[in-house]
Amino acid sequence: MSQHSLPPGLKELLNELESYAPAVPDEITQYAMRQSGYDCKDVRTVRMISLAAQRFVAQVLEEAYNTHKLRQMAPAAKLKEAGFDPKDKRELLTVEDLQKAMEEYGVKSRRPPYYTAPKTQ
């Protein structure tokens, strides 16, 4: 398919990708692509993948933040039981918040065996 037969919106997007600088640098995206067996020289394709990765990270962080907010609304006794100070109102995302958010997108993670369990009082 030549670029002349592309829909108008796609032509504009491809043209904008040539000058767009995504948050994930081209070199990092190209490295990840080569690690998975795909060597791409088209900068527009690389930047489209970088943009998709940026969107994925933003969605996961938003989900982690929502998980954090739900945890903050838990009763004080439950927060204390889980090892949190109910009076502490700082915006602090935990690994557990991130793990729950990642599970929403099908990514499972576990702590390495050398981590210790949280202290119980």
C-alpha atoms as a PDB file:
ATOM      1  CA  MET A   1       0.000   0.000   0.000  1.00  0.00           C
ATOM      2  CA  SER A   2       1.589   3.272  -1.043  1.00  0.00           C
ATOM      3  CA  GLN A   3       1.366   6.389   1.096  1.00  0.00           C
ATOM      4  CA  HIS A   4      -0.798   8.033  -1.589  1.00  0.00           C
ATOM      5  CA  SER A   5      -3.647   5.552  -1.014  1.00  0.00           C
ATOM      6  CA  LEU A   6      -3.713   6.006   2.784  1.00  0.00           C
ATOM      7  CA  PRO A   7      -6.704   7.631   4.475  1.00  0.00           C
ATOM      8  CA  PRO A   8      -6.173  11.373   5.148  1.00  0.00           C
ATOM      9  CA  GLY A   9      -6.048  11.018   8.951  1.00  0.00           C
ATOM     10  CA  LEU A  10      -3.403   8.316   8.737  1.00  0.00           C
ATOM     11  CA  LYS A  11      -1.275  10.417   6.377  1.00  0.00           C
ATOM     12  CA  GLU A  12      -1.315  13.276   8.889  1.00  0.00           C
ATOM     13  CA  LEU A  13      -0.443  10.949  11.768  1.00  0.00           C
ATOM     14  CA  LEU A  14       2.500   9.444   9.887  1.00  0.00           C
ATOM     15  CA  ASN A  15       3.772  12.909   8.976  1.00  0.00           C
ATOM     16  CA  GLU A  16       3.510  14.086  12.596  1.00  0.00           C
ATOM     17  CA  LEU A  17       5.335  11.006  13.891  1.00  0.00           C
ATOM     18  CA  GLU A  18       8.424  12.016  11.906  1.00  0.00           C
ATOM     19  CA  SER A  19       8.910  15.112  14.088  1.00  0.00           C
ATOM     20  CA  TYR A  20       7.310  13.849  17.331  1.00  0.00           C
ATOM     21  CA  ALA A  21       9.580  13.134  20.325  1.00  0.00           C
ATOM     22  CA  PRO A  22       7.860  10.558  22.582  1.00  0.00           C
ATOM     23  CA  ALA A  23       8.661  10.195  26.292  1.00  0.00           C
ATOM     24  CA  VAL A  24      10.344   6.855  25.557  1.00  0.00           C
ATOM     25  CA  PRO A  25      13.425   7.557  23.409  1.00  0.00           C
ATOM     26  CA  ASP A  26      13.712   5.841  20.021  1.00  0.00           C
ATOM     27  CA  GLU A  27      16.891   4.026  21.103  1.00  0.00           C
ATOM     28  CA  ILE A  28      15.160   2.326  24.031  1.00  0.00           C
ATOM     29  CA  THR A  29      12.204   1.278  21.897  1.00  0.00           C
ATOM     30  CA  GLN A  30      14.513  -0.031  19.167  1.00  0.00           C
ATOM     31  CA  TYR A  31      16.520  -1.979  21.761  1.00  0.00           C
ATOM     32  CA  ALA A  32      13.340  -3.583  23.167  1.00  0.00           C
ATOM     33  CA  MET A  33      12.161  -4.396  19.654  1.00  0.00           C
ATOM     34  CA  ARG A  34      15.506  -6.016  18.761  1.00  0.00           C
ATOM     35  CA  GLN A  35      15.382  -8.046  21.988  1.00  0.00           C
ATOM     36  CA  SER A  36      12.040  -9.452  20.845  1.00  0.00           C
ATOM     37  CA  GLY A  37      13.376 -10.258  17.381  1.00  0.00           C
ATOM     38  CA  TYR A  38      12.220  -7.279  15.316  1.00  0.00           C
ATOM     39  CA  ASP A  39      14.721  -4.812  13.876  1.00  0.00           C
ATOM     40  CA  CYS A  40      12.876  -1.793  12.515  1.00  0.00           C
ATOM     41  CA  LYS A  41      14.454   1.119  10.657  1.00  0.00           C
ATOM     42  CA  ASP A  42      11.224   3.101  10.127  1.00  0.00           C
ATOM     43  CA  VAL A  43      11.286   5.885  12.731  1.00  0.00           C
ATOM     44  CA  ARG A  44       7.507   6.326  12.478  1.00  0.00           C
ATOM     45  CA  THR A  45       6.884   2.711  13.477  1.00  0.00           C
ATOM     46  CA  VAL A  46       9.326   2.987  16.366  1.00  0.00           C
ATOM     47  CA  ARG A  47       7.656   6.167  17.599  1.00  0.00           C
ATOM     48  CA  MET A  48       4.184   4.624  17.283  1.00  0.00           C
ATOM     49  CA  ILE A  49       5.331   1.753  19.514  1.00  0.00           C
ATOM     50  CA  SER A  50       6.887   4.262  21.935  1.00  0.00           C
ATOM     51  CA  LEU A  51       3.594   6.124  22.050  1.00  0.00           C
ATOM     52  CA  ALA A  52       1.704   2.884  22.760  1.00  0.00           C
ATOM     53  CA  ALA A  53       4.155   2.057  25.575  1.00  0.00           C
ATOM     54  CA  GLN A  54       3.735   5.554  27.010  1.00  0.00           C
ATOM     55  CA  ARG A  55      -0.041   5.155  26.989  1.00  0.00           C
ATOM     56  CA  PHE A  56       0.194   1.726  28.657  1.00  0.00           C
ATOM     57  CA  VAL A  57       2.389   3.101  31.460  1.00  0.00           C
ATOM     58  CA  ALA A  58       0.010   6.031  31.964  1.00  0.00           C
ATOM     59  CA  GLN A  59      -2.981   3.687  32.202  1.00  0.00           C
ATOM     60  CA  VAL A  60      -1.223   1.402  34.698  1.00  0.00           C
ATOM     61  CA  LEU A  61      -0.227   4.382  36.851  1.00  0.00           C
ATOM     62  CA  GLU A  62      -3.768   5.727  36.763  1.00  0.00           C
ATOM     63  CA  GLU A  63      -5.089   2.329  37.855  1.00  0.00           C
ATOM     64  CA  ALA A  64      -2.455   2.151  40.631  1.00  0.00           C
ATOM     65  CA  TYR A  65      -3.502   5.611  41.814  1.00  0.00           C
ATOM     66  CA  ASN A  66      -7.161   4.535  41.876  1.00  0.00           C
ATOM     67  CA  THR A  67      -6.171   1.455  43.891  1.00  0.00           C
ATOM     68  CA  HIS A  68      -4.311   3.730  46.297  1.00  0.00           C
ATOM     69  CA  LYS A  69      -7.366   5.987  46.677  1.00  0.00           C
ATOM     70  CA  LEU A  70      -9.583   2.975  47.440  1.00  0.00           C
ATOM     71  CA  ARG A  71      -7.097   1.806  50.075  1.00  0.00           C
ATOM     72  CA  GLN A  72      -7.075   5.299  51.638  1.00  0.00           C
ATOM     73  CA  MET A  73     -10.871   5.103  52.040  1.00  0.00           C
ATOM     74  CA  ALA A  74     -10.657   1.868  54.036  1.00  0.00           C
ATOM     75  CA  PRO A  75     -11.650   2.010  57.713  1.00  0.00           C
ATOM     76  CA  ALA A  76      -8.861   3.134  60.059  1.00  0.00           C
ATOM     77  CA  ALA A  77      -8.763  -0.228  61.845  1.00  0.00           C
ATOM     78  CA  LYS A  78      -8.218  -2.086  58.576  1.00  0.00           C
ATOM     79  CA  LEU A  79      -5.465   0.339  57.523  1.00  0.00           C
ATOM     80  CA  LYS A  80      -3.715  -0.081  60.851  1.00  0.00           C
ATOM     81  CA  GLU A  81      -4.022  -3.869  60.585  1.00  0.00           C
ATOM     82  CA  ALA A  82      -2.359  -3.715  57.159  1.00  0.00           C
ATOM     83  CA  GLY A  83       0.556  -1.713  58.591  1.00  0.00           C
ATOM     84  CA  PHE A  84      -0.482   1.763  57.450  1.00  0.00           C
ATOM     85  CA  ASP A  85      -0.894   4.847  59.627  1.00  0.00           C
ATOM     86  CA  PRO A  86      -4.532   5.949  59.192  1.00  0.00           C
ATOM     87  CA  LYS A  87      -3.535   9.566  59.946  1.00  0.00           C
ATOM     88  CA  ASP A  88      -0.947   9.636  57.153  1.00  0.00           C
ATOM     89  CA  LYS A  89      -2.660  11.280  54.173  1.00  0.00           C
ATOM     90  CA  ARG A  90       0.369  11.472  51.862  1.00  0.00           C
ATOM     91  CA  GLU A  91      -0.079  10.359  48.271  1.00  0.00           C
ATOM     92  CA  LEU A  92       2.210   7.323  48.305  1.00  0.00           C
ATOM     93  CA  LEU A  93       1.844   4.497  45.822  1.00  0.00           C
ATOM     94  CA  THR A  94       3.016   1.139  47.095  1.00  0.00           C
ATOM     95  CA  VAL A  95       4.305  -1.913  45.272  1.00  0.00           C
ATOM     96  CA  GLU A  96       1.024  -3.590  46.164  1.00  0.00           C
ATOM     97  CA  ASP A  97      -0.913  -0.791  44.421  1.00  0.00           C
ATOM     98  CA  LEU A  98       1.212  -1.274  41.323  1.00  0.00           C
ATOM     99  CA  GLN A  99       0.868  -5.062  41.427  1.00  0.00           C
ATOM    100  CA  LYS A 100      -2.932  -4.821  41.608  1.00  0.00           C
ATOM    101  CA  ALA A 101      -2.963  -2.372  38.705  1.00  0.00           C
ATOM    102  CA  MET A 102      -0.706  -4.602  36.605  1.00  0.00           C
ATOM    103  CA  GLU A 103      -2.954  -7.601  37.274  1.00  0.00           C
ATOM    104  CA  GLU A 104      -5.829  -5.623  35.731  1.00  0.00           C
ATOM    105  CA  TYR A 105      -3.810  -5.685  32.489  1.00  0.00           C
ATOM    106  CA  GLY A 106      -2.861  -9.356  32.766  1.00  0.00           C
ATOM    107  CA  VAL A 107       0.671  -8.818  34.084  1.00  0.00           C
ATOM    108  CA  LYS A 108       1.387 -10.964  37.116  1.00  0.00           C
ATOM    109  CA  SER A 109       4.323 -10.208  39.366  1.00  0.00           C
ATOM    110  CA  ARG A 110       5.601 -11.616  42.599  1.00  0.00           C
ATOM    111  CA  ARG A 111       8.185 -10.413  45.040  1.00  0.00           C
ATOM    112  CA  PRO A 112      11.497 -12.207  44.844  1.00  0.00           C
ATOM    113  CA  PRO A 113      11.987 -14.777  47.634  1.00  0.00           C
ATOM    114  CA  TYR A 114      14.556 -12.609  49.452  1.00  0.00           C
ATOM    115  CA  TYR A 115      11.988  -9.975  50.479  1.00  0.00           C
ATOM    116  CA  THR A 116      10.665 -10.306  53.994  1.00  0.00           C
ATOM    117  CA  ALA A 117       7.035 -10.202  54.973  1.00  0.00           C
ATOM    118  CA  PRO A 118       5.718  -6.897  56.349  1.00  0.00           C
ATOM    119  CA  LYS A 119       5.995  -6.503  60.105  1.00  0.00           C
ATOM    120  CA  THR A 120       2.872  -7.214  62.095  1.00  0.00           C
ATOM    121  CA  GLN A 121       2.370  -5.473  65.387  1.00  0.00           C
END
